[in-house]
Protein backbone atom coordinates (compact mmCIF):
# COMPACT_ATOMS: atom_id res chain seq x y z
CA MET A 1 -4.49 21.58 6.42
CA ILE A 2 -6.08 20.98 3.18
CA ASP A 3 -9.18 22.86 2.19
CA TRP A 4 -11.22 20.14 0.57
CA ASN A 5 -14.27 21.23 -2.31
CA ASP A 6 -17.81 19.73 -1.85
CA GLU A 7 -16.96 17.61 -5.43
CA GLN A 8 -13.99 15.89 -3.58
CA ARG A 9 -15.82 15.25 -0.38
CA ALA A 10 -19.24 13.70 -2.21
CA LEU A 11 -16.32 11.30 -4.06
CA ARG A 12 -15.04 10.17 -0.85
CA MET A 13 -18.33 9.94 0.66
CA SER A 14 -19.41 8.21 -2.21
CA PHE A 15 -16.96 5.49 -1.57
CA GLU A 16 -17.23 5.10 2.17
CA GLU A 17 -20.84 4.15 0.68
CA LEU A 18 -19.59 0.72 0.02
CA SER A 19 -18.42 -0.20 3.40
CA GLN A 20 -21.51 -2.17 4.82
CA THR A 21 -20.93 -4.49 1.72
CA LEU A 22 -16.71 -4.86 2.28
CA ASN A 23 -17.23 -4.84 5.94
CA SER A 24 -19.90 -8.24 5.75
CA GLY A 25 -18.37 -11.39 6.92
CA TYR A 26 -14.73 -9.67 7.48
CA SER A 27 -14.00 -11.26 10.50
CA ASP A 28 -14.43 -14.91 9.06
CA ARG A 29 -12.44 -13.97 5.77
CA GLU A 30 -9.36 -12.43 8.44
CA SER A 31 -9.34 -15.51 10.05
CA ARG A 32 -9.57 -17.55 7.15
CA GLY A 33 -6.76 -15.73 5.57
CA GLU A 34 -9.11 -15.56 2.43
CA PHE A 35 -9.05 -12.65 -0.26
CA PRO A 36 -12.95 -11.03 -0.74
CA GLU A 37 -12.91 -11.74 -4.77
CA HIS A 38 -16.61 -10.49 -4.40
CA ASN A 39 -15.66 -7.37 -2.92
CA TRP A 40 -12.66 -6.51 -4.93
CA ARG A 41 -15.41 -6.61 -7.70
CA VAL A 42 -17.82 -4.06 -5.95
CA VAL A 43 -14.41 -1.70 -5.35
CA ALA A 44 -13.76 -2.49 -9.13
CA ASP A 45 -17.59 -1.75 -10.44
CA SER A 46 -17.16 2.11 -8.18
CA GLY A 47 -14.72 3.20 -10.33
CA LEU A 48 -12.21 3.53 -7.12
CA LEU A 49 -9.62 1.72 -9.29
CA GLY A 50 -9.49 4.45 -11.36
CA LEU A 51 -8.58 7.31 -9.54
CA PRO A 52 -5.58 8.58 -10.63
CA PHE A 53 -5.70 7.46 -14.09
CA GLU A 54 -6.52 9.50 -17.15
CA ARG A 55 -9.76 9.26 -18.52
CA GLU A 56 -8.64 8.17 -22.15
CA TRP A 57 -8.28 4.67 -20.39
CA GLY A 58 -11.10 4.41 -18.35
CA GLY A 59 -9.79 6.42 -14.88
CA LEU A 60 -11.44 8.99 -13.58
CA GLY A 61 -8.01 11.53 -13.48
CA ARG A 62 -7.90 12.69 -9.92
CA ASP A 63 -4.87 14.31 -8.54
CA LEU A 64 -2.43 12.60 -5.75
CA LEU A 65 -4.23 14.61 -3.00
CA THR A 66 -7.27 13.70 -4.12
CA THR A 67 -6.89 9.96 -4.31
CA MET A 68 -5.63 10.19 -0.94
CA PHE A 69 -8.03 12.28 0.48
CA VAL A 70 -9.85 9.13 -1.06
CA LEU A 71 -8.11 6.57 0.08
CA GLU A 72 -8.20 7.92 3.63
CA GLY A 73 -12.04 7.92 3.91
CA MET A 74 -11.83 4.09 2.31
CA GLY A 75 -9.52 2.98 5.44
CA TYR A 76 -11.79 4.65 7.46
CA SER A 77 -14.97 3.21 6.42
CA SER A 78 -13.77 -0.44 5.56
CA ARG A 79 -12.54 -3.20 8.31
CA ASP A 80 -11.11 -5.17 5.89
CA THR A 81 -7.46 -3.99 5.95
CA GLY A 82 -6.03 -6.68 3.82
CA LEU A 83 -8.55 -5.83 1.12
CA ASN A 84 -7.66 -2.08 1.42
CA PHE A 85 -4.00 -2.91 1.44
CA SER A 86 -4.28 -4.90 -1.75
CA VAL A 87 -6.33 -1.93 -3.37
CA THR A 88 -3.73 0.64 -2.96
CA THR A 89 -0.73 -2.21 -4.16
CA HIS A 90 -2.92 -2.16 -7.32
CA LEU A 91 -2.94 0.82 -8.04
CA VAL A 92 0.78 1.74 -7.61
CA SER A 93 2.50 -0.99 -8.80
CA LEU A 94 1.06 -1.58 -11.86
CA GLY A 95 -0.98 1.44 -12.56
CA VAL A 96 1.46 4.35 -11.65
CA ALA A 97 4.09 2.66 -12.89
CA LEU A 98 2.34 2.50 -16.62
CA GLN A 99 0.79 5.95 -16.51
CA ARG A 100 4.03 7.59 -15.38
CA TYR A 101 6.38 5.00 -17.58
CA GLY A 102 4.95 2.98 -19.85
CA ASN A 103 4.52 3.78 -23.70
CA ALA A 104 1.58 4.30 -25.92
CA SER A 105 0.81 0.58 -26.33
CA GLN A 106 1.36 -0.78 -22.75
CA LYS A 107 -0.90 1.83 -22.07
CA ARG A 108 -3.43 0.31 -24.33
CA ARG A 109 -2.85 -2.95 -23.35
CA TYR A 110 -3.14 -2.86 -19.63
CA LEU A 111 -4.48 0.12 -18.47
CA PRO A 112 -8.27 0.28 -19.11
CA SER A 113 -8.01 -3.23 -17.22
CA VAL A 114 -6.07 -1.83 -14.19
CA CYS A 115 -8.58 1.12 -13.75
CA ASP A 116 -11.60 -1.63 -14.11
CA GLY A 117 -10.34 -4.02 -12.11
CA ARG A 118 -10.45 -6.99 -14.80
CA VAL A 119 -6.25 -7.49 -13.91
CA ILE A 120 -4.79 -7.87 -10.81
CA GLY A 121 -1.25 -5.82 -10.44
CA ALA A 122 2.01 -7.00 -8.35
CA HIS A 123 5.37 -5.74 -8.04
CA ALA A 124 8.09 -7.85 -7.47
CA ILE A 125 10.99 -6.57 -6.27
CA THR A 126 12.07 -8.07 -2.75
CA GLU A 127 14.55 -11.26 -3.02
CA PRO A 128 15.12 -14.20 -0.66
CA GLU A 129 18.86 -12.06 0.11
CA ALA A 130 17.43 -8.49 -0.53
CA GLY A 131 14.83 -7.06 1.17
CA SER A 132 16.11 -4.10 2.48
CA ASP A 133 18.88 -3.77 0.78
CA ALA A 134 16.77 -4.39 -3.00
CA MET A 135 18.83 -2.69 -4.91
CA ASN A 136 21.75 -5.61 -4.72
CA MET A 137 18.73 -8.07 -6.14
CA ARG A 138 20.34 -10.81 -7.91
CA SER A 139 17.35 -11.29 -10.58
CA THR A 140 19.03 -10.99 -14.05
CA ALA A 141 17.47 -9.69 -17.75
CA ARG A 142 19.49 -10.92 -20.17
CA LEU A 143 18.47 -9.89 -23.88
CA ASP A 144 18.53 -12.40 -26.45
CA GLY A 145 17.75 -11.11 -29.81
CA GLU A 146 13.82 -9.21 -29.27
CA THR A 147 13.75 -11.15 -25.88
CA PHE A 148 14.51 -10.88 -22.32
CA ILE A 149 15.15 -13.62 -20.46
CA LEU A 150 14.38 -13.68 -16.64
CA ASP A 151 16.25 -15.73 -13.78
CA GLY A 152 15.17 -15.33 -10.36
CA THR A 153 12.88 -15.46 -7.20
CA LYS A 154 10.95 -12.59 -5.48
CA SER A 155 9.56 -13.47 -2.16
CA TYR A 156 6.57 -11.45 -0.18
CA VAL A 157 4.85 -10.01 -3.78
CA THR A 158 1.50 -8.66 -2.37
CA ASN A 159 -1.16 -9.57 -4.47
CA GLY A 160 1.45 -12.52 -5.98
CA PRO A 161 -0.85 -15.72 -5.74
CA LEU A 162 -3.45 -13.96 -7.38
CA ALA A 163 -1.99 -11.45 -10.03
CA ASP A 164 -2.28 -11.14 -13.59
CA VAL A 165 0.45 -9.01 -14.17
CA PHE A 166 3.63 -8.10 -12.64
CA VAL A 167 6.15 -5.18 -13.18
CA VAL A 168 9.31 -7.01 -12.47
CA TYR A 169 12.75 -5.47 -11.26
CA ALA A 170 15.59 -7.23 -12.56
CA ARG A 171 19.30 -6.45 -13.14
CA THR A 172 20.18 -5.89 -17.00
CA GLY A 173 24.02 -4.77 -16.47
CA ARG A 174 26.43 -5.21 -14.39
CA GLU A 175 27.18 -2.21 -12.27
CA PRO A 176 26.10 -2.45 -8.70
CA GLY A 177 23.79 -1.13 -6.46
CA PHE A 178 21.20 1.12 -8.36
CA ARG A 179 22.52 1.46 -11.86
CA GLY A 180 21.65 -1.64 -14.06
CA ILE A 181 17.97 -2.57 -12.56
CA SER A 182 15.00 -2.75 -15.25
CA ALA A 183 11.39 -3.17 -15.38
CA PHE A 184 9.33 -5.44 -17.01
CA LEU A 185 6.18 -5.96 -17.78
CA VAL A 186 5.23 -9.74 -16.60
CA ASP A 187 1.79 -12.00 -17.59
CA ARG A 188 1.05 -14.68 -15.22
CA SER A 189 1.15 -16.81 -18.59
CA THR A 190 4.66 -15.83 -19.58
CA PRO A 191 6.71 -19.26 -19.87
CA GLY A 192 9.19 -19.54 -17.02
CA LEU A 193 6.94 -17.59 -14.42
CA ALA A 194 5.90 -19.46 -11.37
CA VAL A 195 3.65 -18.27 -8.63
CA GLY A 196 3.55 -19.92 -5.41
CA PRO A 197 0.88 -20.68 -2.70
CA PRO A 198 -0.24 -17.73 -0.58
CA ILE A 199 2.24 -17.57 2.73
CA THR A 200 -0.08 -17.41 5.99
CA THR A 201 1.02 -13.85 7.67
CA MET A 202 0.60 -12.29 11.20
CA GLY A 203 -1.85 -9.14 9.61
CA LEU A 204 -3.13 -8.27 6.59
CA ARG A 205 -4.48 -11.68 5.85
CA THR A 206 -6.92 -11.15 3.37
CA SER A 207 -4.15 -9.82 1.00
CA PRO A 208 -2.47 -12.31 -0.50
CA PHE A 209 1.45 -12.46 -0.01
CA GLY A 210 3.52 -14.79 -2.10
CA GLU A 211 6.79 -16.01 -4.21
CA ILE A 212 7.34 -15.71 -7.69
CA THR A 213 9.94 -17.69 -9.59
CA LEU A 214 11.80 -17.32 -13.38
CA ASP A 215 13.32 -19.54 -15.04
CA SER A 216 14.61 -19.01 -18.16
CA CYS A 217 10.82 -16.48 -18.66
CA ALA A 218 11.46 -15.04 -21.76
CA VAL A 219 9.77 -11.72 -21.92
CA PRO A 220 9.52 -9.46 -25.20
CA ALA A 221 11.75 -6.74 -25.42
CA SER A 222 8.84 -5.21 -26.26
CA GLN A 223 7.54 -5.30 -22.03
CA LEU A 224 10.35 -3.58 -21.49
CA LEU A 225 9.00 -0.49 -18.48
CA GLY A 226 9.97 2.63 -19.72
CA ARG A 227 14.25 2.28 -20.96
CA THR A 228 16.71 -0.27 -19.98
CA GLY A 229 18.71 0.66 -16.63
CA SER A 230 15.87 3.16 -15.74
CA GLY A 231 14.18 0.66 -13.06
CA PHE A 232 15.34 2.42 -10.09
CA LEU A 233 13.72 5.64 -11.30
CA ILE A 234 10.53 3.82 -11.77
CA LEU A 235 10.83 2.66 -8.71
CA GLU A 236 11.56 5.71 -6.85
CA HIS A 237 8.78 6.69 -8.32
CA VAL A 238 5.61 3.98 -7.65
CA LEU A 239 7.11 3.63 -3.50
CA ALA A 240 6.71 7.58 -3.35
CA TRP A 241 2.70 6.92 -4.35
CA GLU A 242 2.82 4.07 -2.17
CA ILE A 243 3.62 5.28 0.56
CA PHE A 244 1.55 8.13 -0.31
CA SER A 245 -1.72 5.93 -0.83
CA VAL A 246 -1.29 3.07 1.49
CA PHE A 247 -0.83 5.29 4.54
CA ALA A 248 -3.25 7.98 3.58
CA THR A 249 -5.60 4.62 3.52
CA MET A 250 -3.57 3.60 7.27
CA LEU A 251 -4.47 7.38 8.39
CA GLY A 252 -8.22 6.60 8.00
CA GLU A 253 -8.21 3.39 9.94
CA MET A 254 -6.09 5.55 12.75
CA ASP A 255 -8.66 8.10 12.80
CA TYR A 256 -11.56 5.15 12.86
CA ARG A 257 -9.83 3.47 16.03
CA LEU A 258 -9.42 6.75 17.84
CA ALA A 259 -13.06 7.59 17.36
CA ARG A 260 -13.91 3.84 18.19
CA CYS A 261 -11.44 4.66 21.96
CA VAL A 262 -12.88 8.11 22.23
CA ASN A 263 -16.61 6.54 22.09
CA HIS A 264 -16.02 3.46 24.78
CA ALA A 265 -14.04 6.21 26.86
CA THR A 266 -16.94 8.63 27.41
CA THR A 267 -19.21 5.28 27.65
CA ARG A 268 -17.91 3.17 29.61
CA GLN A 269 -18.68 2.92 33.28
CA GLN A 270 -15.88 2.22 35.96
CA PHE A 271 -15.81 2.82 39.84
CA GLY A 272 -19.04 4.71 39.04
CA ALA A 273 -17.12 7.41 36.81
CA LYS A 274 -17.12 7.42 33.12
CA LEU A 275 -13.15 6.52 31.85
CA SER A 276 -12.57 9.11 30.21
CA SER A 277 -12.86 10.98 33.62
CA PHE A 278 -9.61 9.56 34.46
CA GLU A 279 -6.40 11.31 33.50
CA SER A 280 -4.85 8.80 32.57
CA VAL A 281 -6.83 7.50 29.79
CA SER A 282 -7.62 10.87 28.81
CA ASN A 283 -4.02 11.59 28.51
CA LYS A 284 -3.68 8.56 25.74
CA LEU A 285 -6.58 9.91 23.75
CA VAL A 286 -5.13 13.11 23.64
CA ASP A 287 -1.57 12.01 22.60
CA ALA A 288 -3.15 9.56 19.74
CA LYS A 289 -4.74 12.64 18.22
CA ILE A 290 -2.20 14.12 18.11
CA ALA A 291 -0.42 11.77 16.74
CA VAL A 292 -3.27 11.18 13.85
CA GLU A 293 -3.11 14.72 12.93
CA THR A 294 0.72 14.52 13.03
CA SER A 295 0.94 11.97 10.87
CA ARG A 296 -2.21 13.54 8.39
CA LYS A 297 0.06 16.60 8.01
CA TRP A 298 3.20 15.36 6.92
CA LEU A 299 1.54 12.63 4.87
CA TYR A 300 -0.62 15.40 2.72
CA ASP A 301 2.38 17.90 3.57
CA ALA A 302 5.09 15.77 1.26
CA ALA A 303 2.29 14.88 -0.85
CA GLN A 304 1.83 18.18 -2.21
CA ARG A 305 5.80 18.84 -2.41
CA PHE A 306 6.18 15.84 -4.00
CA ALA A 307 3.16 16.70 -7.22
CA ARG A 308 4.76 19.75 -7.19
CA GLY A 309 8.30 18.45 -8.80
CA LYS A 310 9.91 19.39 -5.47
CA ASN A 311 12.49 17.12 -3.73
CA ALA A 312 10.24 15.70 -1.19
CA THR A 313 12.64 12.25 -0.13
CA MET A 314 13.20 13.65 3.67
CA ASP A 315 9.65 14.55 3.68
CA ILE A 316 8.60 10.89 2.44
CA ALA A 317 10.81 8.98 5.26
CA ILE A 318 9.06 11.24 7.95
CA ALA A 319 5.69 10.56 6.89
CA LYS A 320 6.12 6.77 6.66
CA LEU A 321 8.11 6.72 9.96
CA LEU A 322 5.68 8.91 11.65
CA THR A 323 2.62 7.20 10.82
CA SER A 324 3.80 4.09 10.60
CA GLU A 325 4.85 4.17 14.05
CA ALA A 326 1.87 6.03 15.39
CA ASN A 327 -0.53 3.20 14.04
CA ILE A 328 1.09 0.76 16.23
CA ASN A 329 1.01 2.87 19.50
CA LEU A 330 -2.49 3.70 18.45
CA ALA A 331 -3.67 0.09 18.22
CA LEU A 332 -1.48 -0.37 21.91
CA THR A 333 -3.84 2.08 23.49
CA ALA A 334 -6.99 0.91 22.31
CA ILE A 335 -5.77 -3.02 23.00
CA GLN A 336 -5.29 -0.97 26.77
CA LEU A 337 -8.31 1.01 26.74
CA PHE A 338 -10.71 -1.82 25.62
CA GLY A 339 -9.16 -4.31 28.18
CA ALA A 340 -10.38 -7.78 27.83
CA ARG A 341 -12.33 -6.61 25.67
CA GLY A 342 -9.37 -5.63 23.30
CA TYR A 343 -7.71 -8.76 23.43
CA MET A 344 -10.47 -10.45 22.23
CA VAL A 345 -10.52 -11.78 18.69
CA GLU A 346 -14.36 -11.16 18.18
CA ASN A 347 -14.59 -7.17 19.13
CA GLY A 348 -12.13 -6.55 15.96
CA ILE A 349 -9.12 -4.59 18.13
CA GLU A 350 -5.99 -7.12 18.32
CA VAL A 351 -6.45 -6.78 14.79
CA GLY A 352 -5.43 -3.70 13.92
CA LEU A 353 -2.02 -4.20 16.16
CA ARG A 354 -1.47 -7.32 13.95
CA ASP A 355 -2.00 -4.92 10.94
CA ALA A 356 -0.10 -1.87 11.93
CA VAL A 357 3.20 -4.32 12.34
CA ALA A 358 3.64 -4.23 9.00
CA GLY A 359 3.69 -1.04 8.05
CA THR A 360 6.71 -0.33 9.84
CA ILE A 361 8.11 -2.87 7.09
CA TYR A 362 6.89 -2.87 3.71
CA SER A 363 7.70 0.36 1.91
CA GLY A 364 11.24 0.44 3.68
CA THR A 365 11.63 -0.74 7.17
CA SER A 366 11.80 2.35 10.30
CA GLU A 367 15.45 1.57 10.40
CA MET A 368 15.78 2.06 6.67
CA GLN A 369 13.68 5.60 6.76
CA ARG A 370 16.23 6.78 9.70
CA LYS A 371 19.23 5.91 7.50
CA ARG A 372 17.62 7.99 4.80
CA ILE A 373 16.90 10.99 6.89
CA ALA A 374 20.40 10.56 8.84
CA THR A 375 21.66 10.18 5.30
CA LEU A 376 20.57 13.90 4.02
CA LEU A 377 21.61 15.62 7.12
CA GLY A 378 24.77 15.00 6.19
CA LEU A 379 25.30 12.32 9.79
């Protein structure tokens, strides 16, 4: 395991101290499906949104592993999983894409606002007929002089209803599959871009999801991110960061839930004994602890390999699969352990299960992770 230094631990602690503010009124916001605009500003003012970005753009200049460590702390201390999800989506969808593939002009224009939260970012990938099969997207971008004309519909866009800047992936070539896909920086105010209303979801309710429509949306060629046809490479890089960032946060959420379960098991009395004295209970918690630590090891080991420039494709798939499914199992364990209290909304246990289900869908479903692993095994 990684031996974090005092500076890294202090950085994580400084952001964990925001939790009292971030958690205030969360249950009511969650039930209403309300994005916490005030808390977004609290997070932005703390500097957290600039964690992995270069200092010249207003960032903190931290590496991937430190960013994950801090985000894990946010997951442990902040109960607002929707806000956590919106924060990590903003970081990777717009910020990470720009830092790696943006030109100097694009970085100057957008990265300072990414770091201080003046803009909210989103990426538009999924389509009504292209979910897991994202490389068969139908959205197109046709070059007309110095302008690309974008047409298509994008679904389930995290942060979509309130985003200021979208990274839109569209087909610029006729080649099938990943060839011929490009990425574009599209401002919300661009004529031809229509943003739909928030979609009510099962979990992550404080993170707004929505649809966007591109109807002869004219985007200057200067807004092309990277080169024409490099969209797949950009997406691969961004999705790796997405898994590391989102699931590091999830790891913190799991760790908090496990601590709450252990505390309940060691203080709750039934049949004249603590719950923890019953082997059926203690075994569940032991298995949960092993699952959390296994997820932690795979996530950070995969991130170290990725950061060294090694091929981490299988490692990332395994880490994502393990963590997302362990999160569901731990959420179910928590509900069972707390019994009727766990089933009641007011105790904040059941929301963990509703939120956890999404983790097996976004960033590549569990089925797609298994398919990827099987392919890499030569099956």
